Amino acid sequence: IRLDLAGRDLTDYQSNYASLDLLGFVDTVSDIVVKRDVTPHIKFSVRSQEGVLVECTVSEGLVAMEAVETGDVVQYVGEVSGIPVHVSEIQYSCIARYAETTISSHYAIISIIDEPTLTTTSTYMLYGSIATLAVSVNYVSSLPEVHWRVNQDATIQSSVSYSGTRYTSYLMWPVTEDIEIETTVHHSDIGGFTKQQASVYTYGVQGIEGPETATIDGNYNLTCVVTAFTEHADVTWFKDGVELMPAVTSYEDDQRGGLRYLHLLCGVFRQ
């Protein structure tokens, strides 16, 4: 016993130890980014206590929770299903109900990345025209990268635009032959890449075939080669602005689903 100058007792007293149970979330709910064809899974952990109940709510679809107990901590995994095809963002939160208290998590977001879409001006384009190609994809926080190949050759002649969560890469390409387009989109938010392919077929006058020289009063044959994707293509020949005799037309199958017309002009060369 210790006494101060006034004679008061200064003895130190100490209680027995008591346990303090910590309740609540160990691993908090967090934002999730998945592709459209992947089922989102919510994962988090809470402190274990007999009778604890955990619930999660989602703004779209349904969620089914499953618990895996590991000692003082219970891990929960929730599978989100029934997401409408037009939804690209889902808000969710969870609560842990204990015997004497309820603890709520903060809100988190499930972001859904759609497959990229590759579009062309048209599948069939007139020879010599310009095709506008575009590949568009949504993103969350990191811009994707898009690489173009035309007829297996890489090109960097593209431009980009992005607003909100939509990223689009454009390519302008002259149509002087059939072209096969391939794009590779590298997803920065979720990792991995997606390839898209498209074709553009040319139609119209491909050229005139025949001799470059002819003798006076000699016979000559000229062939106008036309590719078309209709049942018939008419060709009218002109010389110095004057319409010539009708051409003889034949055709052969085009392996792209169209016809290759051969318009033959036969005549006698006059000076």
C-alpha atoms as a PDB file:
ATOM      1  CA  ILE A   1       0.000   0.000   0.000  1.00  0.00           C
ATOM      2  CA  ARG A   2       1.276   3.426  -0.957  1.00  0.00           C
ATOM      3  CA  LEU A   3       0.133   6.625   0.740  1.00  0.00           C
ATOM      4  CA  ASP A   4       0.358  10.143  -0.572  1.00  0.00           C
ATOM      5  CA  LEU A   5       1.062  13.148   1.659  1.00  0.00           C
ATOM      6  CA  ALA A   6      -2.643  13.410   2.498  1.00  0.00           C
ATOM      7  CA  GLY A   7      -2.733   9.765   3.541  1.00  0.00           C
ATOM      8  CA  ARG A   8      -4.783   8.543   0.558  1.00  0.00           C
ATOM      9  CA  ASP A   9      -4.356   4.970  -0.647  1.00  0.00           C
ATOM     10  CA  LEU A  10      -2.440   4.804  -4.009  1.00  0.00           C
ATOM     11  CA  THR A  11      -2.494   1.045  -4.408  1.00  0.00           C
ATOM     12  CA  ASP A  12      -2.735  -0.201  -8.073  1.00  0.00           C
ATOM     13  CA  TYR A  13      -5.569  -2.632  -8.708  1.00  0.00           C
ATOM     14  CA  GLN A  14      -5.912  -4.764 -11.891  1.00  0.00           C
ATOM     15  CA  SER A  15      -9.009  -6.591 -13.185  1.00  0.00           C
ATOM     16  CA  ASN A  16      -9.094 -10.056 -14.784  1.00  0.00           C
ATOM     17  CA  TYR A  17      -8.655 -10.371 -18.564  1.00  0.00           C
ATOM     18  CA  ALA A  18     -11.851 -10.535 -20.677  1.00  0.00           C
ATOM     19  CA  SER A  19     -12.228 -11.516 -24.318  1.00  0.00           C
ATOM     20  CA  LEU A  20     -13.247  -8.981 -26.957  1.00  0.00           C
ATOM     21  CA  ASP A  21     -14.814 -10.508 -30.064  1.00  0.00           C
ATOM     22  CA  LEU A  22     -14.152  -8.565 -33.258  1.00  0.00           C
ATOM     23  CA  LEU A  23     -17.067  -8.681 -35.661  1.00  0.00           C
ATOM     24  CA  GLY A  24     -17.548  -7.516 -39.212  1.00  0.00           C
ATOM     25  CA  PHE A  25     -15.901  -7.791 -42.591  1.00  0.00           C
ATOM     26  CA  VAL A  26     -12.321  -9.026 -42.924  1.00  0.00           C
ATOM     27  CA  ASP A  27     -12.054  -8.795 -46.723  1.00  0.00           C
ATOM     28  CA  THR A  28     -14.410  -6.046 -47.844  1.00  0.00           C
ATOM     29  CA  VAL A  29     -16.512  -6.247 -50.978  1.00  0.00           C
ATOM     30  CA  SER A  30     -14.732  -4.781 -53.995  1.00  0.00           C
ATOM     31  CA  ASP A  31     -15.331  -3.732 -57.600  1.00  0.00           C
ATOM     32  CA  ILE A  32     -15.372  -6.536 -60.179  1.00  0.00           C
ATOM     33  CA  VAL A  33     -14.777  -6.477 -63.972  1.00  0.00           C
ATOM     34  CA  VAL A  34     -15.800  -9.460 -66.121  1.00  0.00           C
ATOM     35  CA  LYS A  35     -16.548 -10.248 -69.767  1.00  0.00           C
ATOM     36  CA  ARG A  36     -20.164 -10.665 -70.831  1.00  0.00           C
ATOM     37  CA  ASP A  37     -19.887 -14.465 -71.146  1.00  0.00           C
ATOM     38  CA  VAL A  38     -18.300 -14.908 -67.690  1.00  0.00           C
ATOM     39  CA  THR A  39     -20.445 -15.360 -64.553  1.00  0.00           C
ATOM     40  CA  PRO A  40     -19.548 -12.714 -61.901  1.00  0.00           C
ATOM     41  CA  HIS A  41     -18.590 -14.011 -58.452  1.00  0.00           C
ATOM     42  CA  ILE A  42     -18.678 -11.902 -55.281  1.00  0.00           C
ATOM     43  CA  LYS A  43     -16.009 -12.836 -52.719  1.00  0.00           C
ATOM     44  CA  PHE A  44     -15.398 -11.540 -49.181  1.00  0.00           C
ATOM     45  CA  SER A  45     -14.874 -12.731 -45.574  1.00  0.00           C
ATOM     46  CA  VAL A  46     -16.474 -11.908 -42.207  1.00  0.00           C
ATOM     47  CA  ARG A  47     -15.633 -12.681 -38.592  1.00  0.00           C
ATOM     48  CA  SER A  48     -17.276 -15.903 -37.466  1.00  0.00           C
ATOM     49  CA  GLN A  49     -19.886 -16.054 -34.721  1.00  0.00           C
ATOM     50  CA  GLU A  50     -22.567 -18.619 -34.058  1.00  0.00           C
ATOM     51  CA  GLY A  51     -25.722 -17.732 -35.910  1.00  0.00           C
ATOM     52  CA  VAL A  52     -24.178 -15.075 -38.164  1.00  0.00           C
ATOM     53  CA  LEU A  53     -26.188 -14.470 -41.328  1.00  0.00           C
ATOM     54  CA  VAL A  54     -24.848 -12.835 -44.489  1.00  0.00           C
ATOM     55  CA  GLU A  55     -26.946 -11.342 -47.277  1.00  0.00           C
ATOM     56  CA  CYS A  56     -26.033  -9.564 -50.508  1.00  0.00           C
ATOM     57  CA  THR A  57     -28.247  -7.514 -52.791  1.00  0.00           C
ATOM     58  CA  VAL A  58     -27.640  -6.685 -56.455  1.00  0.00           C
ATOM     59  CA  SER A  59     -29.274  -3.976 -58.558  1.00  0.00           C
ATOM     60  CA  GLU A  60     -29.742  -6.423 -61.485  1.00  0.00           C
ATOM     61  CA  GLY A  61     -30.124 -10.196 -61.567  1.00  0.00           C
ATOM     62  CA  LEU A  62     -29.970 -12.668 -58.678  1.00  0.00           C
ATOM     63  CA  VAL A  63     -27.209 -13.672 -56.259  1.00  0.00           C
ATOM     64  CA  ALA A  64     -26.765 -16.996 -54.438  1.00  0.00           C
ATOM     65  CA  MET A  65     -24.318 -17.015 -51.494  1.00  0.00           C
ATOM     66  CA  GLU A  66     -22.294 -19.970 -50.201  1.00  0.00           C
ATOM     67  CA  ALA A  67     -20.196 -20.021 -47.018  1.00  0.00           C
ATOM     68  CA  VAL A  68     -16.860 -21.726 -46.429  1.00  0.00           C
ATOM     69  CA  GLU A  69     -15.888 -21.606 -42.737  1.00  0.00           C
ATOM     70  CA  THR A  70     -12.218 -21.463 -41.831  1.00  0.00           C
ATOM     71  CA  GLY A  71     -11.886 -21.018 -38.057  1.00  0.00           C
ATOM     72  CA  ASP A  72     -12.532 -17.477 -36.895  1.00  0.00           C
ATOM     73  CA  VAL A  73     -13.245 -16.301 -40.439  1.00  0.00           C
ATOM     74  CA  VAL A  74     -16.037 -17.300 -42.812  1.00  0.00           C
ATOM     75  CA  GLN A  75     -15.445 -16.816 -46.521  1.00  0.00           C
ATOM     76  CA  TYR A  76     -18.477 -16.179 -48.709  1.00  0.00           C
ATOM     77  CA  VAL A  77     -18.750 -16.652 -52.461  1.00  0.00           C
ATOM     78  CA  GLY A  78     -21.759 -15.375 -54.362  1.00  0.00           C
ATOM     79  CA  GLU A  79     -22.700 -16.233 -57.967  1.00  0.00           C
ATOM     80  CA  VAL A  80     -24.610 -13.539 -59.825  1.00  0.00           C
ATOM     81  CA  SER A  81     -27.013 -14.790 -62.503  1.00  0.00           C
ATOM     82  CA  GLY A  82     -29.954 -13.597 -64.576  1.00  0.00           C
ATOM     83  CA  ILE A  83     -28.224 -10.430 -65.755  1.00  0.00           C
ATOM     84  CA  PRO A  84     -30.171  -8.696 -68.582  1.00  0.00           C
ATOM     85  CA  VAL A  85     -28.232  -8.463 -71.845  1.00  0.00           C
ATOM     86  CA  HIS A  86     -28.462  -4.647 -71.929  1.00  0.00           C
ATOM     87  CA  VAL A  87     -26.934  -4.180 -68.461  1.00  0.00           C
ATOM     88  CA  SER A  88     -23.247  -3.273 -68.285  1.00  0.00           C
ATOM     89  CA  GLU A  89     -23.018  -2.172 -64.639  1.00  0.00           C
ATOM     90  CA  ILE A  90     -24.440  -3.705 -61.445  1.00  0.00           C
ATOM     91  CA  GLN A  91     -24.306  -2.181 -57.987  1.00  0.00           C
ATOM     92  CA  TYR A  92     -24.136  -4.517 -54.996  1.00  0.00           C
ATOM     93  CA  SER A  93     -23.633  -4.485 -51.219  1.00  0.00           C
ATOM     94  CA  CYS A  94     -23.633  -7.029 -48.370  1.00  0.00           C
ATOM     95  CA  ILE A  95     -24.587  -7.157 -44.682  1.00  0.00           C
ATOM     96  CA  ALA A  96     -23.528  -9.418 -41.807  1.00  0.00           C
ATOM     97  CA  ARG A  97     -26.206 -10.001 -39.139  1.00  0.00           C
ATOM     98  CA  TYR A  98     -24.855 -10.987 -35.727  1.00  0.00           C
ATOM     99  CA  ALA A  99     -26.861 -11.727 -32.582  1.00  0.00           C
ATOM    100  CA  GLU A 100     -26.764  -8.150 -31.315  1.00  0.00           C
ATOM    101  CA  THR A 101     -25.624  -6.061 -34.268  1.00  0.00           C
ATOM    102  CA  THR A 102     -25.790  -5.726 -38.066  1.00  0.00           C
ATOM    103  CA  ILE A 103     -22.781  -4.547 -40.056  1.00  0.00           C
ATOM    104  CA  SER A 104     -23.164  -3.273 -43.621  1.00  0.00           C
ATOM    105  CA  SER A 105     -20.523  -3.117 -46.320  1.00  0.00           C
ATOM    106  CA  HIS A 106     -20.032  -0.203 -48.687  1.00  0.00           C
ATOM    107  CA  TYR A 107     -21.432  -0.363 -52.232  1.00  0.00           C
ATOM    108  CA  ALA A 108     -19.307  -1.887 -54.992  1.00  0.00           C
ATOM    109  CA  ILE A 109     -19.700  -2.207 -58.759  1.00  0.00           C
ATOM    110  CA  ILE A 110     -19.729  -5.196 -61.132  1.00  0.00           C
ATOM    111  CA  SER A 111     -18.692  -3.926 -64.586  1.00  0.00           C
ATOM    112  CA  ILE A 112     -19.431  -6.098 -67.639  1.00  0.00           C
ATOM    113  CA  ILE A 113     -17.257  -5.851 -70.770  1.00  0.00           C
ATOM    114  CA  ASP A 114     -19.030  -6.727 -74.029  1.00  0.00           C
ATOM    115  CA  GLU A 115     -17.444  -8.419 -77.021  1.00  0.00           C
ATOM    116  CA  PRO A 116     -15.958  -5.870 -79.465  1.00  0.00           C
ATOM    117  CA  THR A 117     -18.068  -5.088 -82.533  1.00  0.00           C
ATOM    118  CA  LEU A 118     -16.418  -4.726 -85.949  1.00  0.00           C
ATOM    119  CA  THR A 119     -18.449  -2.884 -88.591  1.00  0.00           C
ATOM    120  CA  THR A 120     -17.838  -1.947 -92.229  1.00  0.00           C
ATOM    121  CA  THR A 121     -19.494   0.533 -94.575  1.00  0.00           C
ATOM    122  CA  SER A 122     -20.861  -2.423 -96.532  1.00  0.00           C
ATOM    123  CA  THR A 123     -19.925  -5.989 -97.363  1.00  0.00           C
ATOM    124  CA  TYR A 124     -19.969  -5.083-101.081  1.00  0.00           C
ATOM    125  CA  MET A 125     -18.360  -1.851-102.265  1.00  0.00           C
ATOM    126  CA  LEU A 126     -17.748  -0.229-105.618  1.00  0.00           C
ATOM    127  CA  TYR A 127     -14.234  -0.575-106.986  1.00  0.00           C
ATOM    128  CA  GLY A 128     -12.212   2.552-106.092  1.00  0.00           C
ATOM    129  CA  SER A 129     -14.415   3.679-103.186  1.00  0.00           C
ATOM    130  CA  ILE A 130     -13.293   4.178 -99.576  1.00  0.00           C
ATOM    131  CA  ALA A 131     -14.366   1.703 -96.901  1.00  0.00           C
ATOM    132  CA  THR A 132     -14.893   2.964 -93.358  1.00  0.00           C
ATOM    133  CA  LEU A 133     -14.086   0.282 -90.792  1.00  0.00           C
ATOM    134  CA  ALA A 134     -14.694   0.605 -87.061  1.00  0.00           C
ATOM    135  CA  VAL A 135     -14.221  -1.602 -84.009  1.00  0.00           C
ATOM    136  CA  SER A 136     -15.915  -0.535 -80.788  1.00  0.00           C
ATOM    137  CA  VAL A 137     -15.598  -1.866 -77.239  1.00  0.00           C
ATOM    138  CA  ASN A 138     -16.522  -0.679 -73.746  1.00  0.00           C
ATOM    139  CA  TYR A 139     -13.994  -0.341 -70.930  1.00  0.00           C
ATOM    140  CA  VAL A 140     -13.947   0.599 -67.232  1.00  0.00           C
ATOM    141  CA  SER A 141     -10.793   2.475 -66.271  1.00  0.00           C
ATOM    142  CA  SER A 142      -7.975   1.516 -68.665  1.00  0.00           C
ATOM    143  CA  LEU A 143      -8.173   2.120 -72.416  1.00  0.00           C
ATOM    144  CA  PRO A 144      -7.924  -1.001 -74.591  1.00  0.00           C
ATOM    145  CA  GLU A 145      -5.462  -1.355 -77.461  1.00  0.00           C
ATOM    146  CA  VAL A 146      -6.615  -2.162 -81.007  1.00  0.00           C
ATOM    147  CA  HIS A 147      -4.374  -3.578 -83.759  1.00  0.00           C
ATOM    148  CA  TRP A 148      -5.473  -3.790 -87.406  1.00  0.00           C
ATOM    149  CA  ARG A 149      -4.487  -6.172 -90.192  1.00  0.00           C
ATOM    150  CA  VAL A 150      -5.666  -5.828 -93.814  1.00  0.00           C
ATOM    151  CA  ASN A 151      -5.065  -8.841 -96.051  1.00  0.00           C
ATOM    152  CA  GLN A 152      -2.714 -10.177 -93.342  1.00  0.00           C
ATOM    153  CA  ASP A 153      -0.564  -7.012 -93.345  1.00  0.00           C
ATOM    154  CA  ALA A 154      -0.415  -4.897 -90.182  1.00  0.00           C
ATOM    155  CA  THR A 155      -1.336  -1.233 -90.517  1.00  0.00           C
ATOM    156  CA  ILE A 156      -1.170   1.764 -88.173  1.00  0.00           C
ATOM    157  CA  GLN A 157      -3.300   4.122 -90.271  1.00  0.00           C
ATOM    158  CA  SER A 158      -6.162   4.149 -87.762  1.00  0.00           C
ATOM    159  CA  SER A 159      -7.686   6.872 -85.584  1.00  0.00           C
ATOM    160  CA  VAL A 160      -9.481   6.570 -82.231  1.00  0.00           C
ATOM    161  CA  SER A 161     -12.224   8.220 -80.227  1.00  0.00           C
ATOM    162  CA  TYR A 162     -13.568   7.507 -76.749  1.00  0.00           C
ATOM    163  CA  SER A 163     -16.250   8.963 -74.522  1.00  0.00           C
ATOM    164  CA  GLY A 164     -17.546   7.741 -71.200  1.00  0.00           C
ATOM    165  CA  THR A 165     -16.792   4.027 -71.233  1.00  0.00           C
ATOM    166  CA  ARG A 166     -16.833   3.450 -75.019  1.00  0.00           C
ATOM    167  CA  TYR A 167     -13.671   3.197 -77.137  1.00  0.00           C
ATOM    168  CA  THR A 168     -13.741   3.124 -80.947  1.00  0.00           C
ATOM    169  CA  SER A 169     -10.919   2.665 -83.452  1.00  0.00           C
ATOM    170  CA  TYR A 170     -11.471   3.681 -87.101  1.00  0.00           C
ATOM    171  CA  LEU A 171      -9.726   2.714 -90.322  1.00  0.00           C
ATOM    172  CA  MET A 172     -10.299   4.262 -93.780  1.00  0.00           C
ATOM    173  CA  TRP A 173      -9.233   1.946 -96.596  1.00  0.00           C
ATOM    174  CA  PRO A 174      -9.371   2.320-100.429  1.00  0.00           C
ATOM    175  CA  VAL A 175     -11.188  -0.600-102.060  1.00  0.00           C
ATOM    176  CA  THR A 176      -9.058  -1.640-105.030  1.00  0.00           C
ATOM    177  CA  GLU A 177      -9.389  -5.357-104.342  1.00  0.00           C
ATOM    178  CA  ASP A 178     -11.221  -7.690-102.019  1.00  0.00           C
ATOM    179  CA  ILE A 179     -10.014  -7.111 -98.476  1.00  0.00           C
ATOM    180  CA  GLU A 180      -9.956  -9.287 -95.386  1.00  0.00           C
ATOM    181  CA  ILE A 181      -9.885  -7.332 -92.122  1.00  0.00           C
ATOM    182  CA  GLU A 182      -8.772  -8.624 -88.730  1.00  0.00           C
ATOM    183  CA  THR A 183      -8.717  -6.655 -85.482  1.00  0.00           C
ATOM    184  CA  THR A 184      -7.131  -7.662 -82.183  1.00  0.00           C
ATOM    185  CA  VAL A 185      -8.457  -5.890 -79.088  1.00  0.00           C
ATOM    186  CA  HIS A 186      -6.266  -6.120 -75.976  1.00  0.00           C
ATOM    187  CA  HIS A 187      -8.418  -5.638 -72.847  1.00  0.00           C
ATOM    188  CA  SER A 188      -6.501  -3.694 -70.207  1.00  0.00           C
ATOM    189  CA  ASP A 189      -9.206  -4.008 -67.521  1.00  0.00           C
ATOM    190  CA  ILE A 190      -9.622  -7.794 -67.619  1.00  0.00           C
ATOM    191  CA  GLY A 191      -6.531  -8.973 -69.503  1.00  0.00           C
ATOM    192  CA  GLY A 192      -6.503 -11.148 -72.599  1.00  0.00           C
ATOM    193  CA  PHE A 193      -7.510 -10.230 -76.127  1.00  0.00           C
ATOM    194  CA  THR A 194     -10.337 -10.698 -78.634  1.00  0.00           C
ATOM    195  CA  LYS A 195     -10.055 -11.113 -82.416  1.00  0.00           C
ATOM    196  CA  GLN A 196     -12.705  -9.975 -84.911  1.00  0.00           C
ATOM    197  CA  GLN A 197     -12.793 -10.567 -88.667  1.00  0.00           C
ATOM    198  CA  ALA A 198     -14.749  -9.122 -91.608  1.00  0.00           C
ATOM    199  CA  SER A 199     -14.613  -9.101 -95.410  1.00  0.00           C
ATOM    200  CA  VAL A 200     -15.276  -6.418 -98.024  1.00  0.00           C
ATOM    201  CA  TYR A 201     -15.857  -7.525-101.634  1.00  0.00           C
ATOM    202  CA  THR A 202     -15.414  -5.228-104.628  1.00  0.00           C
ATOM    203  CA  TYR A 203     -17.770  -4.892-107.553  1.00  0.00           C
ATOM    204  CA  GLY A 204     -17.846  -2.769-110.700  1.00  0.00           C
ATOM    205  CA  VAL A 205     -15.511  -2.425-113.655  1.00  0.00           C
ATOM    206  CA  GLN A 206     -12.291  -4.219-112.916  1.00  0.00           C
ATOM    207  CA  GLY A 207     -10.653  -3.184-116.200  1.00  0.00           C
ATOM    208  CA  ILE A 208     -10.571  -3.587-119.977  1.00  0.00           C
ATOM    209  CA  GLU A 209      -8.516  -6.398-121.419  1.00  0.00           C
ATOM    210  CA  GLY A 210      -7.300  -6.597-125.009  1.00  0.00           C
ATOM    211  CA  PRO A 211      -4.511  -5.623-127.397  1.00  0.00           C
ATOM    212  CA  GLU A 212      -2.851  -2.262-126.865  1.00  0.00           C
ATOM    213  CA  THR A 213      -2.258  -1.910-130.626  1.00  0.00           C
ATOM    214  CA  ALA A 214      -4.240  -2.883-133.744  1.00  0.00           C
ATOM    215  CA  THR A 215      -3.711  -2.663-137.493  1.00  0.00           C
ATOM    216  CA  ILE A 216      -5.949  -0.559-139.691  1.00  0.00           C
ATOM    217  CA  ASP A 217      -8.875  -2.608-141.002  1.00  0.00           C
ATOM    218  CA  GLY A 218      -7.791  -5.399-138.695  1.00  0.00           C
ATOM    219  CA  ASN A 219     -10.066  -7.189-136.250  1.00  0.00           C
ATOM    220  CA  TYR A 220      -9.813  -6.555-132.527  1.00  0.00           C
ATOM    221  CA  ASN A 221     -11.447  -7.940-129.388  1.00  0.00           C
ATOM    222  CA  LEU A 222     -11.825  -5.965-126.155  1.00  0.00           C
ATOM    223  CA  THR A 223     -13.199  -7.422-122.947  1.00  0.00           C
ATOM    224  CA  CYS A 224     -14.674  -5.317-120.146  1.00  0.00           C
ATOM    225  CA  VAL A 225     -14.411  -7.289-116.911  1.00  0.00           C
ATOM    226  CA  VAL A 226     -17.196  -6.458-114.432  1.00  0.00           C
ATOM    227  CA  THR A 227     -17.821  -8.042-111.050  1.00  0.00           C
ATOM    228  CA  ALA A 228     -21.394  -7.858-109.795  1.00  0.00           C
ATOM    229  CA  PHE A 229     -23.527  -9.388-107.076  1.00  0.00           C
ATOM    230  CA  THR A 230     -26.795  -9.082-108.999  1.00  0.00           C
ATOM    231  CA  GLU A 231     -28.308 -11.287-111.672  1.00  0.00           C
ATOM    232  CA  HIS A 232     -27.196  -9.074-114.529  1.00  0.00           C
ATOM    233  CA  ALA A 233     -24.845  -6.207-115.309  1.00  0.00           C
ATOM    234  CA  ASP A 234     -25.231  -4.056-118.456  1.00  0.00           C
ATOM    235  CA  VAL A 235     -22.222  -2.482-120.149  1.00  0.00           C
ATOM    236  CA  THR A 236     -22.356   0.179-122.847  1.00  0.00           C
ATOM    237  CA  TRP A 237     -19.250   0.891-124.931  1.00  0.00           C
ATOM    238  CA  PHE A 238     -18.288   4.347-126.167  1.00  0.00           C
ATOM    239  CA  LYS A 239     -15.576   5.597-128.502  1.00  0.00           C
ATOM    240  CA  ASP A 240     -14.921   9.336-128.560  1.00  0.00           C
ATOM    241  CA  GLY A 241     -18.308   9.867-126.941  1.00  0.00           C
ATOM    242  CA  VAL A 242     -20.164   7.800-129.529  1.00  0.00           C
ATOM    243  CA  GLU A 243     -22.017   4.673-128.414  1.00  0.00           C
ATOM    244  CA  LEU A 244     -20.763   1.515-130.105  1.00  0.00           C
ATOM    245  CA  MET A 245     -22.528  -1.661-131.055  1.00  0.00           C
ATOM    246  CA  PRO A 246     -23.948  -3.825-128.252  1.00  0.00           C
ATOM    247  CA  ALA A 247     -21.439  -6.087-126.572  1.00  0.00           C
ATOM    248  CA  VAL A 248     -21.682  -9.837-126.312  1.00  0.00           C
ATOM    249  CA  THR A 249     -21.992 -10.837-122.667  1.00  0.00           C
ATOM    250  CA  SER A 250     -20.895 -14.013-120.975  1.00  0.00           C
ATOM    251  CA  TYR A 251     -20.256 -14.736-117.346  1.00  0.00           C
ATOM    252  CA  GLU A 252     -18.540 -17.122-115.017  1.00  0.00           C
ATOM    253  CA  ASP A 253     -19.064 -17.948-111.376  1.00  0.00           C
ATOM    254  CA  ASP A 254     -17.354 -15.782-108.810  1.00  0.00           C
ATOM    255  CA  GLN A 255     -16.099 -17.771-105.856  1.00  0.00           C
ATOM    256  CA  ARG A 256     -17.214 -15.000-103.487  1.00  0.00           C
ATOM    257  CA  GLY A 257     -20.893 -15.535-104.175  1.00  0.00           C
ATOM    258  CA  GLY A 258     -21.245 -13.192-107.166  1.00  0.00           C
ATOM    259  CA  LEU A 259     -20.661 -13.290-110.921  1.00  0.00           C
ATOM    260  CA  ARG A 260     -17.753 -12.165-113.052  1.00  0.00           C
ATOM    261  CA  TYR A 261     -19.145 -10.749-116.267  1.00  0.00           C
ATOM    262  CA  LEU A 262     -17.087 -10.676-119.477  1.00  0.00           C
ATOM    263  CA  HIS A 263     -18.409  -8.106-121.953  1.00  0.00           C
ATOM    264  CA  LEU A 264     -16.787  -8.769-125.338  1.00  0.00           C
ATOM    265  CA  LEU A 265     -16.635  -6.075-127.976  1.00  0.00           C
ATOM    266  CA  CYS A 266     -15.644  -7.309-131.479  1.00  0.00           C
ATOM    267  CA  GLY A 267     -14.979  -4.980-134.371  1.00  0.00           C
ATOM    268  CA  VAL A 268     -12.774  -3.683-137.110  1.00  0.00           C
ATOM    269  CA  PHE A 269     -10.269  -0.993-136.279  1.00  0.00           C
ATOM    270  CA  ARG A 270     -10.744   2.181-138.344  1.00  0.00           C
ATOM    271  CA  GLN A 271      -8.419   5.169-138.147  1.00  0.00           C
END
